Amino acid sequence: MIKERDFLSALQLSEAMGNAKTLELGLEQYKALAKSDDPAVQEELKRLRLVRDNWIKIEREHGPGSLLNLGHPLVEKNRGYGIIDEKRITNALRYSEFASSRALAGSS
């Protein structure tokens, strides 16, 4: 039987990869986690839902895949295999530049 922590690990991997679509689908699929008695699981679910909600807004504005962590080993591997659509890669590169320029403007 799959444990709650395994489900959480899968969701956290989606977050680390910057894969908003997988995070959203995972939260939808792992509804049993919402019934967990473990306060730590509930707290992490709450945090991941906030991440998802913010990411959905960003991807609506900047396009699907814009939050992909292109430096994550699995993203690099999947990109190399051609699994990730090039439009998503382009959006990620563009958003990365946007976020960097925004961060620089905020630090001036």
PDB file of N, CA and C in Angstrom:
ATOM      1  N   MET A   1       0.848  -1.182   0.000  1.00  0.00           N
ATOM      2  CA  MET A   1       0.000   0.000   0.000  1.00  0.00           C
ATOM      3  C   MET A   1       0.897   1.250   0.000  1.00  0.00           C
ATOM      4  N   ILE A   2       0.497   2.234  -0.767  1.00  0.00           N
ATOM      5  CA  ILE A   2       1.257   3.477  -0.853  1.00  0.00           C
ATOM      6  C   ILE A   2       0.951   4.335   0.367  1.00  0.00           C
ATOM      7  N   LYS A   3       1.992   4.875   0.956  1.00  0.00           N
ATOM      8  CA  LYS A   3       1.847   5.678   2.168  1.00  0.00           C
ATOM      9  C   LYS A   3       1.636   7.145   1.830  1.00  0.00           C
ATOM     10  N   GLU A   4       1.048   7.848   2.774  1.00  0.00           N
ATOM     11  CA  GLU A   4       0.803   9.288   2.602  1.00  0.00           C
ATOM     12  C   GLU A   4       2.077  10.038   2.250  1.00  0.00           C
ATOM     13  N   ARG A   5       3.154   9.680   2.916  1.00  0.00           N
ATOM     14  CA  ARG A   5       4.434  10.375   2.681  1.00  0.00           C
ATOM     15  C   ARG A   5       4.922  10.160   1.257  1.00  0.00           C
ATOM     16  N   ASP A   6       4.603   8.990   0.666  1.00  0.00           N
ATOM     17  CA  ASP A   6       4.983   8.743  -0.726  1.00  0.00           C
ATOM     18  C   ASP A   6       4.213   9.674  -1.666  1.00  0.00           C
ATOM     19  N   PHE A   7       2.941   9.840  -1.403  1.00  0.00           N
ATOM     20  CA  PHE A   7       2.137  10.773  -2.200  1.00  0.00           C
ATOM     21  C   PHE A   7       2.679  12.191  -2.054  1.00  0.00           C
ATOM     22  N   LEU A   8       2.980  12.577  -0.823  1.00  0.00           N
ATOM     23  CA  LEU A   8       3.535  13.912  -0.590  1.00  0.00           C
ATOM     24  C   LEU A   8       4.863  14.077  -1.323  1.00  0.00           C
ATOM     25  N   SER A   9       5.672  13.047  -1.302  1.00  0.00           N
ATOM     26  CA  SER A   9       6.959  13.112  -2.008  1.00  0.00           C
ATOM     27  C   SER A   9       6.756  13.337  -3.496  1.00  0.00           C
ATOM     28  N   ALA A  10       5.764  12.692  -4.070  1.00  0.00           N
ATOM     29  CA  ALA A  10       5.473  12.876  -5.499  1.00  0.00           C
ATOM     30  C   ALA A  10       5.047  14.317  -5.776  1.00  0.00           C
ATOM     31  N   LEU A  11       4.220  14.869  -4.896  1.00  0.00           N
ATOM     32  CA  LEU A  11       3.783  16.255  -5.053  1.00  0.00           C
ATOM     33  C   LEU A  11       4.959  17.217  -4.888  1.00  0.00           C
ATOM     34  N   GLN A  12       5.817  16.925  -3.935  1.00  0.00           N
ATOM     35  CA  GLN A  12       6.987  17.773  -3.707  1.00  0.00           C
ATOM     36  C   GLN A  12       7.963  17.697  -4.882  1.00  0.00           C
ATOM     37  N   LEU A  13       8.056  16.537  -5.513  1.00  0.00           N
ATOM     38  CA  LEU A  13       8.888  16.416  -6.706  1.00  0.00           C
ATOM     39  C   LEU A  13       8.334  17.290  -7.828  1.00  0.00           C
ATOM     40  N   SER A  14       7.034  17.284  -7.992  1.00  0.00           N
ATOM     41  CA  SER A  14       6.405  18.149  -9.002  1.00  0.00           C
ATOM     42  C   SER A  14       6.743  19.606  -8.730  1.00  0.00           C
ATOM     43  N   GLU A  15       6.712  19.980  -7.467  1.00  0.00           N
ATOM     44  CA  GLU A  15       7.049  21.352  -7.093  1.00  0.00           C
ATOM     45  C   GLU A  15       8.515  21.644  -7.423  1.00  0.00           C
ATOM     46  N   ALA A  16       9.407  20.743  -7.048  1.00  0.00           N
ATOM     47  CA  ALA A  16      10.835  20.950  -7.305  1.00  0.00           C
ATOM     48  C   ALA A  16      11.126  21.069  -8.803  1.00  0.00           C
ATOM     49  N   MET A  17      10.376  20.337  -9.606  1.00  0.00           N
ATOM     50  CA  MET A  17      10.551  20.378 -11.059  1.00  0.00           C
ATOM     51  C   MET A  17       9.887  21.615 -11.671  1.00  0.00           C
ATOM     52  N   GLY A  18       9.057  22.286 -10.886  1.00  0.00           N
ATOM     53  CA  GLY A  18       8.335  23.433 -11.412  1.00  0.00           C
ATOM     54  C   GLY A  18       7.211  23.021 -12.348  1.00  0.00           C
ATOM     55  N   ASN A  19       6.705  21.830 -12.139  1.00  0.00           N
ATOM     56  CA  ASN A  19       5.677  21.288 -13.029  1.00  0.00           C
ATOM     57  C   ASN A  19       4.291  21.561 -12.444  1.00  0.00           C
ATOM     58  N   ALA A  20       3.748  22.702 -12.793  1.00  0.00           N
ATOM     59  CA  ALA A  20       2.456  23.135 -12.251  1.00  0.00           C
ATOM     60  C   ALA A  20       1.335  22.178 -12.632  1.00  0.00           C
ATOM     61  N   LYS A  21       1.390  21.686 -13.859  1.00  0.00           N
ATOM     62  CA  LYS A  21       0.338  20.785 -14.340  1.00  0.00           C
ATOM     63  C   LYS A  21       0.307  19.502 -13.518  1.00  0.00           C
ATOM     64  N   THR A  22       1.480  18.917 -13.276  1.00  0.00           N
ATOM     65  CA  THR A  22       1.544  17.681 -12.503  1.00  0.00           C
ATOM     66  C   THR A  22       1.174  17.925 -11.047  1.00  0.00           C
ATOM     67  N   LEU A  23       1.585  19.057 -10.503  1.00  0.00           N
ATOM     68  CA  LEU A  23       1.210  19.388  -9.127  1.00  0.00           C
ATOM     69  C   LEU A  23      -0.301  19.508  -9.013  1.00  0.00           C
ATOM     70  N   GLU A  24      -0.901  20.204  -9.950  1.00  0.00           N
ATOM     71  CA  GLU A  24      -2.364  20.365  -9.924  1.00  0.00           C
ATOM     72  C   GLU A  24      -3.068  19.014 -10.047  1.00  0.00           C
ATOM     73  N   LEU A  25      -2.624  18.196 -10.999  1.00  0.00           N
ATOM     74  CA  LEU A  25      -3.238  16.878 -11.188  1.00  0.00           C
ATOM     75  C   LEU A  25      -3.019  15.991  -9.969  1.00  0.00           C
ATOM     76  N   GLY A  26      -1.824  16.059  -9.393  1.00  0.00           N
ATOM     77  CA  GLY A  26      -1.533  15.250  -8.216  1.00  0.00           C
ATOM     78  C   GLY A  26      -2.416  15.607  -7.040  1.00  0.00           C
ATOM     79  N   LEU A  27      -2.594  16.888  -6.814  1.00  0.00           N
ATOM     80  CA  LEU A  27      -3.476  17.307  -5.717  1.00  0.00           C
ATOM     81  C   LEU A  27      -4.907  16.844  -5.963  1.00  0.00           C
ATOM     82  N   GLU A  28      -5.305  16.826  -7.213  1.00  0.00           N
ATOM     83  CA  GLU A  28      -6.647  16.371  -7.560  1.00  0.00           C
ATOM     84  C   GLU A  28      -6.773  14.849  -7.373  1.00  0.00           C
ATOM     85  N   GLN A  29      -5.736  14.118  -7.777  1.00  0.00           N
ATOM     86  CA  GLN A  29      -5.775  12.655  -7.715  1.00  0.00           C
ATOM     87  C   GLN A  29      -5.615  12.100  -6.306  1.00  0.00           C
ATOM     88  N   TYR A  30      -4.833  12.783  -5.476  1.00  0.00           N
ATOM     89  CA  TYR A  30      -4.525  12.268  -4.145  1.00  0.00           C
ATOM     90  C   TYR A  30      -5.475  12.843  -3.102  1.00  0.00           C
ATOM     91  N   LYS A  31      -6.744  12.794  -3.390  1.00  0.00           N
ATOM     92  CA  LYS A  31      -7.743  13.375  -2.489  1.00  0.00           C
ATOM     93  C   LYS A  31      -7.765  12.708  -1.120  1.00  0.00           C
ATOM     94  N   ALA A  32      -7.297  11.467  -1.050  1.00  0.00           N
ATOM     95  CA  ALA A  32      -7.276  10.765   0.235  1.00  0.00           C
ATOM     96  C   ALA A  32      -6.376  11.473   1.240  1.00  0.00           C
ATOM     97  N   LEU A  33      -5.392  12.208   0.745  1.00  0.00           N
ATOM     98  CA  LEU A  33      -4.511  12.943   1.654  1.00  0.00           C
ATOM     99  C   LEU A  33      -5.280  13.974   2.478  1.00  0.00           C
ATOM    100  N   ALA A  34      -6.324  14.518   1.898  1.00  0.00           N
ATOM    101  CA  ALA A  34      -7.112  15.531   2.605  1.00  0.00           C
ATOM    102  C   ALA A  34      -7.763  14.952   3.861  1.00  0.00           C
ATOM    103  N   LYS A  35      -7.876  13.640   3.921  1.00  0.00           N
ATOM    104  CA  LYS A  35      -8.495  12.989   5.077  1.00  0.00           C
ATOM    105  C   LYS A  35      -7.472  12.528   6.108  1.00  0.00           C
ATOM    106  N   SER A  36      -6.213  12.846   5.869  1.00  0.00           N
ATOM    107  CA  SER A  36      -5.145  12.412   6.770  1.00  0.00           C
ATOM    108  C   SER A  36      -5.334  12.980   8.175  1.00  0.00           C
ATOM    109  N   ASP A  37      -4.997  12.170   9.159  1.00  0.00           N
ATOM    110  CA  ASP A  37      -5.032  12.613  10.554  1.00  0.00           C
ATOM    111  C   ASP A  37      -3.720  13.256  10.974  1.00  0.00           C
ATOM    112  N   ASP A  38      -2.731  13.190  10.122  1.00  0.00           N
ATOM    113  CA  ASP A  38      -1.392  13.700  10.432  1.00  0.00           C
ATOM    114  C   ASP A  38      -1.353  15.218  10.215  1.00  0.00           C
ATOM    115  N   PRO A  39      -1.135  15.997  11.279  1.00  0.00           N
ATOM    116  CA  PRO A  39      -1.093  17.457  11.135  1.00  0.00           C
ATOM    117  C   PRO A  39       0.003  17.933  10.171  1.00  0.00           C
ATOM    118  N   ALA A  40       1.121  17.228  10.127  1.00  0.00           N
ATOM    119  CA  ALA A  40       2.206  17.612   9.211  1.00  0.00           C
ATOM    120  C   ALA A  40       1.780  17.432   7.757  1.00  0.00           C
ATOM    121  N   VAL A  41       1.029  16.383   7.489  1.00  0.00           N
ATOM    122  CA  VAL A  41       0.509  16.153   6.134  1.00  0.00           C
ATOM    123  C   VAL A  41      -0.466  17.261   5.772  1.00  0.00           C
ATOM    124  N   GLN A  42      -1.340  17.599   6.687  1.00  0.00           N
ATOM    125  CA  GLN A  42      -2.315  18.664   6.432  1.00  0.00           C
ATOM    126  C   GLN A  42      -1.632  20.003   6.180  1.00  0.00           C
ATOM    127  N   GLU A  43      -0.594  20.290   6.949  1.00  0.00           N
ATOM    128  CA  GLU A  43       0.139  21.553   6.783  1.00  0.00           C
ATOM    129  C   GLU A  43       0.837  21.601   5.425  1.00  0.00           C
ATOM    130  N   GLU A  44       1.440  20.487   5.033  1.00  0.00           N
ATOM    131  CA  GLU A  44       2.120  20.436   3.736  1.00  0.00           C
ATOM    132  C   GLU A  44       1.118  20.525   2.591  1.00  0.00           C
ATOM    133  N   LEU A  45      -0.009  19.875   2.731  1.00  0.00           N
ATOM    134  CA  LEU A  45      -1.059  19.986   1.707  1.00  0.00           C
ATOM    135  C   LEU A  45      -1.527  21.427   1.554  1.00  0.00           C
ATOM    136  N   LYS A  46      -1.707  22.089   2.661  1.00  0.00           N
ATOM    137  CA  LYS A  46      -2.117  23.492   2.642  1.00  0.00           C
ATOM    138  C   LYS A  46      -1.089  24.335   1.882  1.00  0.00           C
ATOM    139  N   ARG A  47       0.195  24.111   2.182  1.00  0.00           N
ATOM    140  CA  ARG A  47       1.267  24.846   1.510  1.00  0.00           C
ATOM    141  C   ARG A  47       1.287  24.543   0.002  1.00  0.00           C
ATOM    142  N   LEU A  48       1.161  23.268  -0.337  1.00  0.00           N
ATOM    143  CA  LEU A  48       1.194  22.881  -1.752  1.00  0.00           C
ATOM    144  C   LEU A  48      -0.012  23.433  -2.518  1.00  0.00           C
ATOM    145  N   ARG A  49      -1.148  23.520  -1.859  1.00  0.00           N
ATOM    146  CA  ARG A  49      -2.324  24.112  -2.519  1.00  0.00           C
ATOM    147  C   ARG A  49      -2.104  25.599  -2.801  1.00  0.00           C
ATOM    148  N   LEU A  50      -1.449  26.292  -1.870  1.00  0.00           N
ATOM    149  CA  LEU A  50      -1.124  27.708  -2.090  1.00  0.00           C
ATOM    150  C   LEU A  50      -0.141  27.860  -3.255  1.00  0.00           C
ATOM    151  N   VAL A  51       0.847  26.987  -3.295  1.00  0.00           N
ATOM    152  CA  VAL A  51       1.802  26.988  -4.415  1.00  0.00           C
ATOM    153  C   VAL A  51       1.040  26.782  -5.716  1.00  0.00           C
ATOM    154  N   ARG A  52       0.188  25.763  -5.737  1.00  0.00           N
ATOM    155  CA  ARG A  52      -0.609  25.477  -6.941  1.00  0.00           C
ATOM    156  C   ARG A  52      -1.437  26.685  -7.367  1.00  0.00           C
ATOM    157  N   ASP A  53      -2.108  27.304  -6.423  1.00  0.00           N
ATOM    158  CA  ASP A  53      -2.962  28.448  -6.747  1.00  0.00           C
ATOM    159  C   ASP A  53      -2.150  29.596  -7.343  1.00  0.00           C
ATOM    160  N   ASN A  54      -0.975  29.850  -6.770  1.00  0.00           N
ATOM    161  CA  ASN A  54      -0.113  30.903  -7.310  1.00  0.00           C
ATOM    162  C   ASN A  54       0.422  30.527  -8.686  1.00  0.00           C
ATOM    163  N   TRP A  55       0.811  29.287  -8.838  1.00  0.00           N
ATOM    164  CA  TRP A  55       1.365  28.834 -10.115  1.00  0.00           C
ATOM    165  C   TRP A  55       0.329  28.873 -11.231  1.00  0.00           C
ATOM    166  N   ILE A  56      -0.902  28.546 -10.909  1.00  0.00           N
ATOM    167  CA  ILE A  56      -1.964  28.596 -11.928  1.00  0.00           C
ATOM    168  C   ILE A  56      -2.092  30.020 -12.467  1.00  0.00           C
ATOM    169  N   LYS A  57      -2.055  30.990 -11.579  1.00  0.00           N
ATOM    170  CA  LYS A  57      -2.137  32.396 -12.003  1.00  0.00           C
ATOM    171  C   LYS A  57      -0.960  32.768 -12.892  1.00  0.00           C
ATOM    172  N   ILE A  58       0.226  32.358 -12.497  1.00  0.00           N
ATOM    173  CA  ILE A  58       1.429  32.689 -13.280  1.00  0.00           C
ATOM    174  C   ILE A  58       1.374  32.029 -14.655  1.00  0.00           C
ATOM    175  N   GLU A  59       0.985  30.757 -14.700  1.00  0.00           N
ATOM    176  CA  GLU A  59       0.938  30.069 -15.989  1.00  0.00           C
ATOM    177  C   GLU A  59      -0.188  30.587 -16.881  1.00  0.00           C
ATOM    178  N   ARG A  60      -1.236  31.085 -16.307  1.00  0.00           N
ATOM    179  CA  ARG A  60      -2.285  31.716 -17.129  1.00  0.00           C
ATOM    180  C   ARG A  60      -1.735  32.950 -17.832  1.00  0.00           C
ATOM    181  N   GLU A  61      -0.898  33.697 -17.114  1.00  0.00           N
ATOM    182  CA  GLU A  61      -0.334  34.924 -17.665  1.00  0.00           C
ATOM    183  C   GLU A  61       0.859  34.663 -18.589  1.00  0.00           C
ATOM    184  N   HIS A  62       1.718  33.715 -18.221  1.00  0.00           N
ATOM    185  CA  HIS A  62       2.980  33.523 -18.938  1.00  0.00           C
ATOM    186  C   HIS A  62       3.036  32.255 -19.782  1.00  0.00           C
ATOM    187  N   GLY A  63       1.997  31.461 -19.733  1.00  0.00           N
ATOM    188  CA  GLY A  63       1.916  30.273 -20.575  1.00  0.00           C
ATOM    189  C   GLY A  63       2.279  28.984 -19.858  1.00  0.00           C
ATOM    190  N   PRO A  64       1.775  27.867 -20.385  1.00  0.00           N
ATOM    191  CA  PRO A  64       2.055  26.560 -19.788  1.00  0.00           C
ATOM    192  C   PRO A  64       3.553  26.264 -19.767  1.00  0.00           C
ATOM    193  N   GLY A  65       4.009  25.742 -18.647  1.00  0.00           N
ATOM    194  CA  GLY A  65       5.414  25.377 -18.523  1.00  0.00           C
ATOM    195  C   GLY A  65       6.311  26.507 -18.073  1.00  0.00           C
ATOM    196  N   SER A  66       5.764  27.684 -17.901  1.00  0.00           N
ATOM    197  CA  SER A  66       6.596  28.843 -17.579  1.00  0.00           C
ATOM    198  C   SER A  66       7.352  28.691 -16.261  1.00  0.00           C
ATOM    199  N   LEU A  67       6.887  27.826 -15.387  1.00  0.00           N
ATOM    200  CA  LEU A  67       7.549  27.650 -14.094  1.00  0.00           C
ATOM    201  C   LEU A  67       8.468  26.438 -14.046  1.00  0.00           C
ATOM    202  N   LEU A  68       8.642  25.755 -15.175  1.00  0.00           N
ATOM    203  CA  LEU A  68       9.532  24.598 -15.190  1.00  0.00           C
ATOM    204  C   LEU A  68      10.920  24.982 -14.713  1.00  0.00           C
ATOM    205  N   ASN A  69      11.466  24.156 -13.863  1.00  0.00           N
ATOM    206  CA  ASN A  69      12.822  24.341 -13.365  1.00  0.00           C
ATOM    207  C   ASN A  69      13.754  23.643 -14.360  1.00  0.00           C
ATOM    208  N   LEU A  70      14.240  24.390 -15.328  1.00  0.00           N
ATOM    209  CA  LEU A  70      15.032  23.806 -16.406  1.00  0.00           C
ATOM    210  C   LEU A  70      16.351  23.224 -15.914  1.00  0.00           C
ATOM    211  N   GLY A  71      16.760  23.574 -14.711  1.00  0.00           N
ATOM    212  CA  GLY A  71      17.979  23.030 -14.139  1.00  0.00           C
ATOM    213  C   GLY A  71      17.775  21.758 -13.327  1.00  0.00           C
ATOM    214  N   HIS A  72      16.519  21.351 -13.147  1.00  0.00           N
ATOM    215  CA  HIS A  72      16.246  20.130 -12.390  1.00  0.00           C
ATOM    216  C   HIS A  72      16.645  18.926 -13.248  1.00  0.00           C
ATOM    217  N   PRO A  73      17.349  17.949 -12.655  1.00  0.00           N
ATOM    218  CA  PRO A  73      17.829  16.802 -13.437  1.00  0.00           C
ATOM    219  C   PRO A  73      16.741  16.055 -14.217  1.00  0.00           C
ATOM    220  N   LEU A  74      15.567  15.882 -13.632  1.00  0.00           N
ATOM    221  CA  LEU A  74      14.503  15.175 -14.353  1.00  0.00           C
ATOM    222  C   LEU A  74      13.924  16.017 -15.483  1.00  0.00           C
ATOM    223  N   VAL A  75      13.867  17.310 -15.285  1.00  0.00           N
ATOM    224  CA  VAL A  75      13.397  18.187 -16.366  1.00  0.00           C
ATOM    225  C   VAL A  75      14.419  18.147 -17.503  1.00  0.00           C
ATOM    226  N   GLU A  76      15.703  18.215 -17.161  1.00  0.00           N
ATOM    227  CA  GLU A  76      16.743  18.136 -18.180  1.00  0.00           C
ATOM    228  C   GLU A  76      16.665  16.817 -18.946  1.00  0.00           C
ATOM    229  N   LYS A  77      16.484  15.732 -18.217  1.00  0.00           N
ATOM    230  CA  LYS A  77      16.389  14.408 -18.835  1.00  0.00           C
ATOM    231  C   LYS A  77      15.177  14.318 -19.760  1.00  0.00           C
ATOM    232  N   ASN A  78      14.020  14.740 -19.258  1.00  0.00           N
ATOM    233  CA  ASN A  78      12.797  14.699 -20.063  1.00  0.00           C
ATOM    234  C   ASN A  78      12.889  15.615 -21.280  1.00  0.00           C
ATOM    235  N   ARG A  79      13.547  16.735 -21.094  1.00  0.00           N
ATOM    236  CA  ARG A  79      13.757  17.653 -22.222  1.00  0.00           C
ATOM    237  C   ARG A  79      14.641  16.982 -23.273  1.00  0.00           C
ATOM    238  N   GLY A  80      15.695  16.330 -22.826  1.00  0.00           N
ATOM    239  CA  GLY A  80      16.589  15.627 -23.732  1.00  0.00           C
ATOM    240  C   GLY A  80      15.897  14.522 -24.508  1.00  0.00           C
ATOM    241  N   TYR A  81      14.946  13.867 -23.886  1.00  0.00           N
ATOM    242  CA  TYR A  81      14.177  12.810 -24.553  1.00  0.00           C
ATOM    243  C   TYR A  81      13.061  13.365 -25.435  1.00  0.00           C
ATOM    244  N   GLY A  82      12.860  14.676 -25.389  1.00  0.00           N
ATOM    245  CA  GLY A  82      11.796  15.281 -26.191  1.00  0.00           C
ATOM    246  C   GLY A  82      10.411  15.111 -25.606  1.00  0.00           C
ATOM    247  N   ILE A  83      10.354  14.776 -24.328  1.00  0.00           N
ATOM    248  CA  ILE A  83       9.066  14.553 -23.659  1.00  0.00           C
ATOM    249  C   ILE A  83       8.351  15.867 -23.382  1.00  0.00           C
ATOM    250  N   ILE A  84       9.131  16.915 -23.126  1.00  0.00           N
ATOM    251  CA  ILE A  84       8.539  18.215 -22.801  1.00  0.00           C
ATOM    252  C   ILE A  84       8.396  19.017 -24.085  1.00  0.00           C
ATOM    253  N   ASP A  85       7.208  19.475 -24.327  1.00  0.00           N
ATOM    254  CA  ASP A  85       6.895  20.278 -25.509  1.00  0.00           C
ATOM    255  C   ASP A  85       7.784  21.527 -25.548  1.00  0.00           C
ATOM    256  N   GLU A  86       8.291  21.852 -26.710  1.00  0.00           N
ATOM    257  CA  GLU A  86       9.192  23.009 -26.849  1.00  0.00           C
ATOM    258  C   GLU A  86       8.519  24.328 -26.479  1.00  0.00           C
ATOM    259  N   LYS A  87       7.218  24.416 -26.662  1.00  0.00           N
ATOM    260  CA  LYS A  87       6.495  25.629 -26.271  1.00  0.00           C
ATOM    261  C   LYS A  87       6.610  25.847 -24.759  1.00  0.00           C
ATOM    262  N   ARG A  88       6.548  24.755 -24.004  1.00  0.00           N
ATOM    263  CA  ARG A  88       6.686  24.846 -22.547  1.00  0.00           C
ATOM    264  C   ARG A  88       8.105  25.286 -22.181  1.00  0.00           C
ATOM    265  N   ILE A  89       9.092  24.786 -22.913  1.00  0.00           N
ATOM    266  CA  ILE A  89      10.487  25.180 -22.673  1.00  0.00           C
ATOM    267  C   ILE A  89      10.661  26.670 -22.972  1.00  0.00           C
ATOM    268  N   THR A  90      10.109  27.104 -24.095  1.00  0.00           N
ATOM    269  CA  THR A  90      10.194  28.518 -24.472  1.00  0.00           C
ATOM    270  C   THR A  90       9.544  29.392 -23.409  1.00  0.00           C
ATOM    271  N   ASN A  91       8.385  28.974 -22.922  1.00  0.00           N
ATOM    272  CA  ASN A  91       7.707  29.735 -21.865  1.00  0.00           C
ATOM    273  C   ASN A  91       8.544  29.778 -20.592  1.00  0.00           C
ATOM    274  N   ALA A  92       9.190  28.664 -20.262  1.00  0.00           N
ATOM    275  CA  ALA A  92      10.028  28.619 -19.059  1.00  0.00           C
ATOM    276  C   ALA A  92      11.221  29.563 -19.194  1.00  0.00           C
ATOM    277  N   LEU A  93      11.853  29.565 -20.358  1.00  0.00           N
ATOM    278  CA  LEU A  93      12.993  30.457 -20.583  1.00  0.00           C
ATOM    279  C   LEU A  93      12.563  31.921 -20.498  1.00  0.00           C
ATOM    280  N   ARG A  94      11.449  32.225 -21.119  1.00  0.00           N
ATOM    281  CA  ARG A  94      10.941  33.596 -21.113  1.00  0.00           C
ATOM    282  C   ARG A  94      10.561  34.040 -19.703  1.00  0.00           C
ATOM    283  N   TYR A  95       9.886  33.162 -18.963  1.00  0.00           N
ATOM    284  CA  TYR A  95       9.483  33.533 -17.612  1.00  0.00           C
ATOM    285  C   TYR A  95      10.695  33.686 -16.703  1.00  0.00           C
ATOM    286  N   SER A  96      11.690  32.838 -16.892  1.00  0.00           N
ATOM    287  CA  SER A  96      12.914  32.934 -16.100  1.00  0.00           C
ATOM    288  C   SER A  96      13.572  34.299 -16.294  1.00  0.00           C
ATOM    289  N   GLU A  97      13.624  34.750 -17.530  1.00  0.00           N
ATOM    290  CA  GLU A  97      14.185  36.081 -17.817  1.00  0.00           C
ATOM    291  C   GLU A  97      13.327  37.173 -17.181  1.00  0.00           C
ATOM    292  N   PHE A  98      12.021  37.036 -17.303  1.00  0.00           N
ATOM    293  CA  PHE A  98      11.087  38.003 -16.717  1.00  0.00           C
ATOM    294  C   PHE A  98      11.274  38.080 -15.202  1.00  0.00           C
ATOM    295  N   ALA A  99      11.318  36.916 -14.542  1.00  0.00           N
ATOM    296  CA  ALA A  99      11.454  36.881 -13.088  1.00  0.00           C
ATOM    297  C   ALA A  99      12.803  37.453 -12.649  1.00  0.00           C
ATOM    298  N   SER A 100      13.850  37.165 -13.417  1.00  0.00           N
ATOM    299  CA  SER A 100      15.178  37.701 -13.084  1.00  0.00           C
ATOM    300  C   SER A 100      15.202  39.219 -13.208  1.00  0.00           C
ATOM    301  N   SER A 101      14.632  39.740 -14.284  1.00  0.00           N
ATOM    302  CA  SER A 101      14.635  41.194 -14.465  1.00  0.00           C
ATOM    303  C   SER A 101      13.762  41.872 -13.414  1.00  0.00           C
ATOM    304  N   ARG A 102      12.707  41.214 -13.023  1.00  0.00           N
ATOM    305  CA  ARG A 102      11.831  41.745 -11.977  1.00  0.00           C
ATOM    306  C   ARG A 102      12.547  41.773 -10.630  1.00  0.00           C
ATOM    307  N   ALA A 103      13.313  40.703 -10.356  1.00  0.00           N
ATOM    308  CA  ALA A 103      14.064  40.633  -9.100  1.00  0.00           C
ATOM    309  C   ALA A 103      15.148  41.722  -9.075  1.00  0.00           C
ATOM    310  N   LEU A 104      15.806  41.927 -10.206  1.00  0.00           N
ATOM    311  CA  LEU A 104      16.832  42.967 -10.281  1.00  0.00           C
ATOM    312  C   LEU A 104      16.231  44.356 -10.091  1.00  0.00           C
ATOM    313  N   ALA A 105      15.073  44.582 -10.693  1.00  0.00           N
ATOM    314  CA  ALA A 105      14.400  45.877 -10.564  1.00  0.00           C
ATOM    315  C   ALA A 105      13.986  46.110  -9.110  1.00  0.00           C
ATOM    316  N   GLY A 106      13.591  45.044  -8.426  1.00  0.00           N
ATOM    317  CA  GLY A 106      13.181  45.175  -7.028  1.00  0.00           C
ATOM    318  C   GLY A 106      14.318  45.414  -6.087  1.00  0.00           C
ATOM    319  N   SER A 107      15.529  45.012  -6.484  1.00  0.00           N
ATOM    320  CA  SER A 107      16.682  45.204  -5.597  1.00  0.00           C
ATOM    321  C   SER A 107      17.392  46.532  -5.817  1.00  0.00           C
ATOM    322  N   SER A 108      16.962  47.284  -6.823  1.00  0.00           N
ATOM    323  CA  SER A 108      17.602  48.573  -7.104  1.00  0.00           C
ATOM    324  C   SER A 108      17.081  49.671  -6.210  1.00  0.00           C
TER     325      SER A 108
END
